[in-house]
N, C-alpha and C. Protein backbone atom coordinates (compact mmCIF):
# COMPACT_ATOMS: atom_id res chain seq x y z
N MET A 1 142.12 216.69 156.15
CA MET A 1 142.60 215.64 157.01
C MET A 1 142.47 214.30 156.29
N PHE A 2 143.51 213.52 156.33
CA PHE A 2 143.48 212.20 155.74
C PHE A 2 143.32 211.14 156.83
N TYR A 3 142.60 210.11 156.51
CA TYR A 3 142.37 208.99 157.42
C TYR A 3 143.20 207.80 156.99
N SER A 4 143.66 207.04 157.96
CA SER A 4 144.30 205.76 157.67
C SER A 4 143.18 204.74 157.48
N VAL A 5 143.36 203.85 156.52
CA VAL A 5 142.34 202.83 156.25
C VAL A 5 142.96 201.45 156.50
N TYR A 6 142.31 200.68 157.36
CA TYR A 6 142.74 199.34 157.70
C TYR A 6 141.60 198.37 157.42
N ALA A 7 141.95 197.12 157.15
CA ALA A 7 140.95 196.08 156.94
C ALA A 7 141.20 194.94 157.92
N THR A 8 140.14 194.36 158.40
CA THR A 8 140.27 193.21 159.29
C THR A 8 140.66 191.97 158.49
N GLU A 9 141.17 190.96 159.18
CA GLU A 9 141.50 189.70 158.52
C GLU A 9 140.25 189.09 157.90
N ASN A 10 139.13 189.24 158.57
CA ASN A 10 137.87 188.72 158.06
C ASN A 10 137.55 189.32 156.69
N PHE A 11 137.74 190.62 156.55
CA PHE A 11 137.49 191.27 155.27
C PHE A 11 138.42 190.69 154.20
N GLY A 12 139.69 190.50 154.55
CA GLY A 12 140.64 189.93 153.60
C GLY A 12 140.22 188.54 153.14
N THR A 13 139.74 187.74 154.06
CA THR A 13 139.27 186.39 153.74
C THR A 13 138.05 186.44 152.83
N GLU A 14 137.12 187.34 153.15
CA GLU A 14 135.87 187.43 152.38
C GLU A 14 136.11 187.92 150.95
N THR A 15 137.17 188.68 150.74
CA THR A 15 137.43 189.25 149.41
C THR A 15 138.53 188.52 148.64
N SER A 16 139.11 187.49 149.22
CA SER A 16 140.25 186.82 148.59
C SER A 16 139.91 186.18 147.24
N GLY A 17 138.70 185.75 147.04
CA GLY A 17 138.31 185.10 145.80
C GLY A 17 137.81 186.03 144.70
N LEU A 18 137.87 187.32 144.93
CA LEU A 18 137.37 188.27 143.94
C LEU A 18 138.31 188.37 142.74
N SER A 19 137.77 188.85 141.65
CA SER A 19 138.58 189.07 140.45
C SER A 19 139.54 190.23 140.69
N ASN A 20 140.58 190.30 139.88
CA ASN A 20 141.53 191.40 139.99
C ASN A 20 140.86 192.74 139.75
N SER A 21 139.87 192.76 138.87
CA SER A 21 139.12 193.99 138.58
C SER A 21 138.38 194.48 139.83
N ASP A 22 137.74 193.56 140.54
CA ASP A 22 137.03 193.93 141.77
C ASP A 22 138.00 194.35 142.87
N LYS A 23 139.15 193.67 142.96
CA LYS A 23 140.15 194.05 143.95
C LYS A 23 140.67 195.46 143.68
N PHE A 24 140.83 195.79 142.41
CA PHE A 24 141.26 197.14 142.04
C PHE A 24 140.19 198.17 142.45
N LYS A 25 138.93 197.84 142.25
CA LYS A 25 137.84 198.73 142.65
C LYS A 25 137.82 198.93 144.16
N ILE A 26 138.13 197.88 144.91
CA ILE A 26 138.19 198.00 146.37
C ILE A 26 139.34 198.93 146.76
N LYS A 27 140.47 198.83 146.10
CA LYS A 27 141.59 199.74 146.38
C LYS A 27 141.19 201.18 146.11
N ARG A 28 140.43 201.41 145.04
CA ARG A 28 139.95 202.77 144.74
C ARG A 28 139.00 203.26 145.83
N ILE A 29 138.16 202.39 146.33
CA ILE A 29 137.26 202.75 147.43
C ILE A 29 138.07 203.09 148.68
N PHE A 30 139.09 202.30 148.99
CA PHE A 30 139.96 202.58 150.14
C PHE A 30 140.60 203.97 149.99
N ASN A 31 141.08 204.29 148.80
CA ASN A 31 141.68 205.62 148.57
C ASN A 31 140.65 206.72 148.76
N GLN A 32 139.43 206.47 148.34
CA GLN A 32 138.35 207.43 148.52
C GLN A 32 138.06 207.63 150.01
N LEU A 33 138.08 206.55 150.78
CA LEU A 33 137.82 206.63 152.22
C LEU A 33 138.91 207.41 152.95
N LYS A 34 140.14 207.37 152.45
CA LYS A 34 141.23 208.12 153.07
C LYS A 34 140.93 209.61 153.06
N GLU A 35 140.32 210.08 151.99
CA GLU A 35 140.02 211.50 151.86
C GLU A 35 138.69 211.89 152.50
N ASN A 36 137.69 211.02 152.37
CA ASN A 36 136.37 211.31 152.92
C ASN A 36 135.68 210.02 153.32
N PRO A 37 135.80 209.62 154.56
CA PRO A 37 135.19 208.35 154.97
C PRO A 37 133.67 208.38 155.03
N TYR A 38 133.07 209.54 154.90
CA TYR A 38 131.62 209.65 155.01
C TYR A 38 130.91 209.52 153.66
N VAL A 39 131.59 209.01 152.63
CA VAL A 39 130.99 208.89 151.31
C VAL A 39 129.95 207.79 151.22
N GLY A 40 130.06 206.77 152.05
CA GLY A 40 129.12 205.65 151.99
C GLY A 40 127.81 205.96 152.68
N ASN A 41 126.89 205.03 152.57
CA ASN A 41 125.58 205.17 153.21
C ASN A 41 125.67 204.85 154.69
N GLN A 42 125.05 205.69 155.49
CA GLN A 42 125.03 205.51 156.94
C GLN A 42 124.15 204.34 157.32
N ILE A 43 124.61 203.56 158.31
CA ILE A 43 123.82 202.45 158.85
C ILE A 43 123.66 202.67 160.35
N LYS A 44 122.51 203.11 160.78
CA LYS A 44 122.14 203.31 162.18
C LYS A 44 122.96 204.37 162.92
N TYR A 45 124.25 204.42 162.72
CA TYR A 45 125.13 205.35 163.42
C TYR A 45 125.95 206.13 162.40
N LYS A 46 126.32 207.35 162.75
CA LYS A 46 127.11 208.19 161.84
C LYS A 46 128.43 207.53 161.47
N PHE A 47 129.02 206.79 162.40
CA PHE A 47 130.34 206.19 162.19
C PHE A 47 130.30 204.81 161.54
N PHE A 48 129.10 204.26 161.31
CA PHE A 48 128.95 202.93 160.72
C PHE A 48 128.35 203.09 159.33
N ARG A 49 129.10 202.65 158.31
CA ARG A 49 128.68 202.91 156.94
C ARG A 49 128.94 201.72 156.03
N GLU A 50 128.33 201.82 154.84
CA GLU A 50 128.57 200.81 153.82
C GLU A 50 128.81 201.50 152.48
N LYS A 51 129.59 200.85 151.66
CA LYS A 51 129.86 201.33 150.31
C LYS A 51 129.60 200.16 149.39
N ARG A 52 128.86 200.40 148.32
CA ARG A 52 128.48 199.31 147.41
C ARG A 52 129.55 199.05 146.37
N LEU A 53 129.71 197.78 146.07
CA LEU A 53 130.55 197.32 144.98
C LEU A 53 129.71 196.30 144.22
N LYS A 54 129.11 196.76 143.14
CA LYS A 54 128.14 195.95 142.38
C LYS A 54 127.02 195.55 143.33
N GLU A 55 126.74 194.23 143.43
CA GLU A 55 125.65 193.76 144.30
C GLU A 55 126.12 193.49 145.72
N LYS A 56 127.40 193.70 146.00
CA LYS A 56 127.97 193.46 147.33
C LYS A 56 128.12 194.78 148.08
N ARG A 57 128.43 194.67 149.37
CA ARG A 57 128.62 195.84 150.21
C ARG A 57 129.88 195.71 151.05
N ILE A 58 130.58 196.83 151.18
CA ILE A 58 131.76 196.91 152.04
C ILE A 58 131.31 197.67 153.28
N TYR A 59 131.46 197.05 154.45
CA TYR A 59 131.04 197.66 155.71
C TYR A 59 132.26 198.19 156.45
N TYR A 60 132.15 199.41 156.97
CA TYR A 60 133.29 200.00 157.66
C TYR A 60 132.86 200.91 158.80
N LEU A 61 133.81 201.12 159.71
CA LEU A 61 133.60 201.95 160.89
C LEU A 61 134.60 203.11 160.85
N ILE A 62 134.13 204.28 161.22
CA ILE A 62 134.98 205.48 161.21
C ILE A 62 135.30 205.86 162.66
N TYR A 63 136.58 206.04 162.93
CA TYR A 63 137.03 206.48 164.25
C TYR A 63 137.68 207.85 164.09
N GLU A 64 136.88 208.89 164.28
CA GLU A 64 137.36 210.26 164.09
C GLU A 64 138.54 210.60 164.98
N LYS A 65 138.46 210.26 166.26
CA LYS A 65 139.53 210.61 167.20
C LYS A 65 140.85 209.95 166.83
N LEU A 66 140.78 208.79 166.18
CA LEU A 66 141.99 208.09 165.76
C LEU A 66 142.37 208.41 164.31
N SER A 67 141.50 209.13 163.62
CA SER A 67 141.68 209.44 162.20
C SER A 67 141.89 208.17 161.38
N CYS A 68 141.03 207.19 161.65
CA CYS A 68 141.16 205.95 160.90
C CYS A 68 139.80 205.36 160.55
N VAL A 69 139.84 204.53 159.53
CA VAL A 69 138.67 203.78 159.07
C VAL A 69 139.04 202.31 159.17
N LEU A 70 138.14 201.52 159.75
CA LEU A 70 138.35 200.09 159.85
C LEU A 70 137.30 199.39 159.00
N VAL A 71 137.74 198.75 157.93
CA VAL A 71 136.85 198.01 157.04
C VAL A 71 136.69 196.62 157.66
N VAL A 72 135.45 196.27 157.97
CA VAL A 72 135.22 195.08 158.80
C VAL A 72 134.54 193.91 158.10
N ALA A 73 133.80 194.14 157.03
CA ALA A 73 133.07 193.03 156.41
C ALA A 73 132.74 193.33 154.96
N PHE A 74 132.42 192.25 154.25
CA PHE A 74 132.05 192.31 152.84
C PHE A 74 130.97 191.28 152.64
N GLY A 75 129.84 191.68 152.08
CA GLY A 75 128.77 190.70 151.90
C GLY A 75 127.69 191.18 150.96
N GLY A 76 126.76 190.28 150.69
CA GLY A 76 125.67 190.55 149.77
C GLY A 76 124.38 190.92 150.47
N LYS A 77 123.38 191.14 149.65
CA LYS A 77 122.06 191.57 150.13
C LYS A 77 121.39 190.51 151.01
N LYS A 78 121.58 189.23 150.66
CA LYS A 78 120.93 188.16 151.41
C LYS A 78 121.33 188.13 152.87
N THR A 79 122.58 188.42 153.14
CA THR A 79 123.09 188.36 154.52
C THR A 79 123.27 189.74 155.14
N GLN A 80 122.73 190.76 154.51
CA GLN A 80 122.96 192.13 154.95
C GLN A 80 122.57 192.37 156.40
N GLN A 81 121.37 192.03 156.79
CA GLN A 81 120.92 192.31 158.16
C GLN A 81 121.71 191.51 159.18
N LYS A 82 122.00 190.25 158.87
CA LYS A 82 122.79 189.42 159.77
C LYS A 82 124.19 190.02 159.95
N THR A 83 124.79 190.48 158.87
CA THR A 83 126.13 191.09 158.92
C THR A 83 126.10 192.36 159.75
N ILE A 84 125.11 193.21 159.53
CA ILE A 84 124.98 194.46 160.29
C ILE A 84 124.82 194.17 161.78
N ASN A 85 123.96 193.23 162.13
CA ASN A 85 123.74 192.89 163.54
C ASN A 85 125.03 192.37 164.18
N GLU A 86 125.78 191.55 163.47
CA GLU A 86 127.03 191.00 163.99
C GLU A 86 128.06 192.11 164.20
N ILE A 87 128.15 193.03 163.26
CA ILE A 87 129.10 194.15 163.40
C ILE A 87 128.74 195.00 164.62
N ILE A 88 127.47 195.32 164.78
CA ILE A 88 127.02 196.14 165.92
C ILE A 88 127.37 195.44 167.23
N LYS A 89 127.18 194.13 167.27
CA LYS A 89 127.51 193.36 168.47
C LYS A 89 129.01 193.42 168.77
N LEU A 90 129.83 193.54 167.74
CA LEU A 90 131.28 193.53 167.90
C LEU A 90 131.92 194.92 167.95
N PHE A 91 131.12 195.98 168.07
CA PHE A 91 131.67 197.34 168.14
C PHE A 91 132.82 197.47 169.14
N PRO A 92 132.68 196.98 170.39
CA PRO A 92 133.78 197.15 171.36
C PRO A 92 135.09 196.48 170.90
N GLU A 93 134.99 195.28 170.33
CA GLU A 93 136.18 194.59 169.86
C GLU A 93 136.83 195.31 168.70
N PHE A 94 136.00 195.83 167.78
CA PHE A 94 136.55 196.57 166.65
C PHE A 94 137.25 197.85 167.11
N SER A 95 136.69 198.49 168.12
CA SER A 95 137.30 199.70 168.66
C SER A 95 138.68 199.39 169.25
N LYS A 96 138.78 198.32 170.01
CA LYS A 96 140.07 197.90 170.58
C LYS A 96 141.07 197.58 169.47
N HIS A 97 140.58 196.90 168.45
CA HIS A 97 141.44 196.52 167.32
C HIS A 97 141.98 197.77 166.60
N ALA A 98 141.11 198.76 166.40
CA ALA A 98 141.53 200.00 165.73
C ALA A 98 142.59 200.72 166.56
N LYS A 99 142.41 200.77 167.87
CA LYS A 99 143.39 201.42 168.75
C LYS A 99 144.74 200.71 168.69
N LYS A 100 144.73 199.38 168.66
CA LYS A 100 145.97 198.62 168.54
C LYS A 100 146.68 198.91 167.22
N LEU A 101 145.91 198.99 166.15
CA LEU A 101 146.51 199.29 164.84
C LEU A 101 147.18 200.65 164.83
N ILE A 102 146.54 201.63 165.44
CA ILE A 102 147.09 202.98 165.47
C ILE A 102 148.33 203.04 166.36
N ASP A 103 148.31 202.32 167.48
CA ASP A 103 149.43 202.33 168.41
C ASP A 103 150.68 201.67 167.82
N ASN A 104 150.48 200.73 166.91
CA ASN A 104 151.64 200.03 166.31
C ASN A 104 152.13 200.71 165.13
C-alpha cells in the first residue's frame, strides 16, 4: 500500500531557506514515507513520528484510514519539546486538514 504525502504551509515556510542538497534529501524522505510511513521514530503515539535530517527533525502524522502522511513541522533540538507540544495541541486541526486534502 502506498501513502500520499502532503506538507503543511508551515513546513514549506520552515524549509524554504534550506540548500538544494537538503531539499533533495527531504524529497527522498517523502518518497520513503510513501512506501513506509513508520520508518521514523515514534513520538508518544504510533501515528506521530519524526525523521532526522542532520541536526534537524521532520515531524509528521500518519492517517492510516486516509492512506496519507501529513508533514507538519521542521525544527531543531532546541525547540523540539515546544514543537512536539504544539503539534499535539493541533491534532484535531491537522486531522481536518488531512481530510480536506484527500477530498480534493
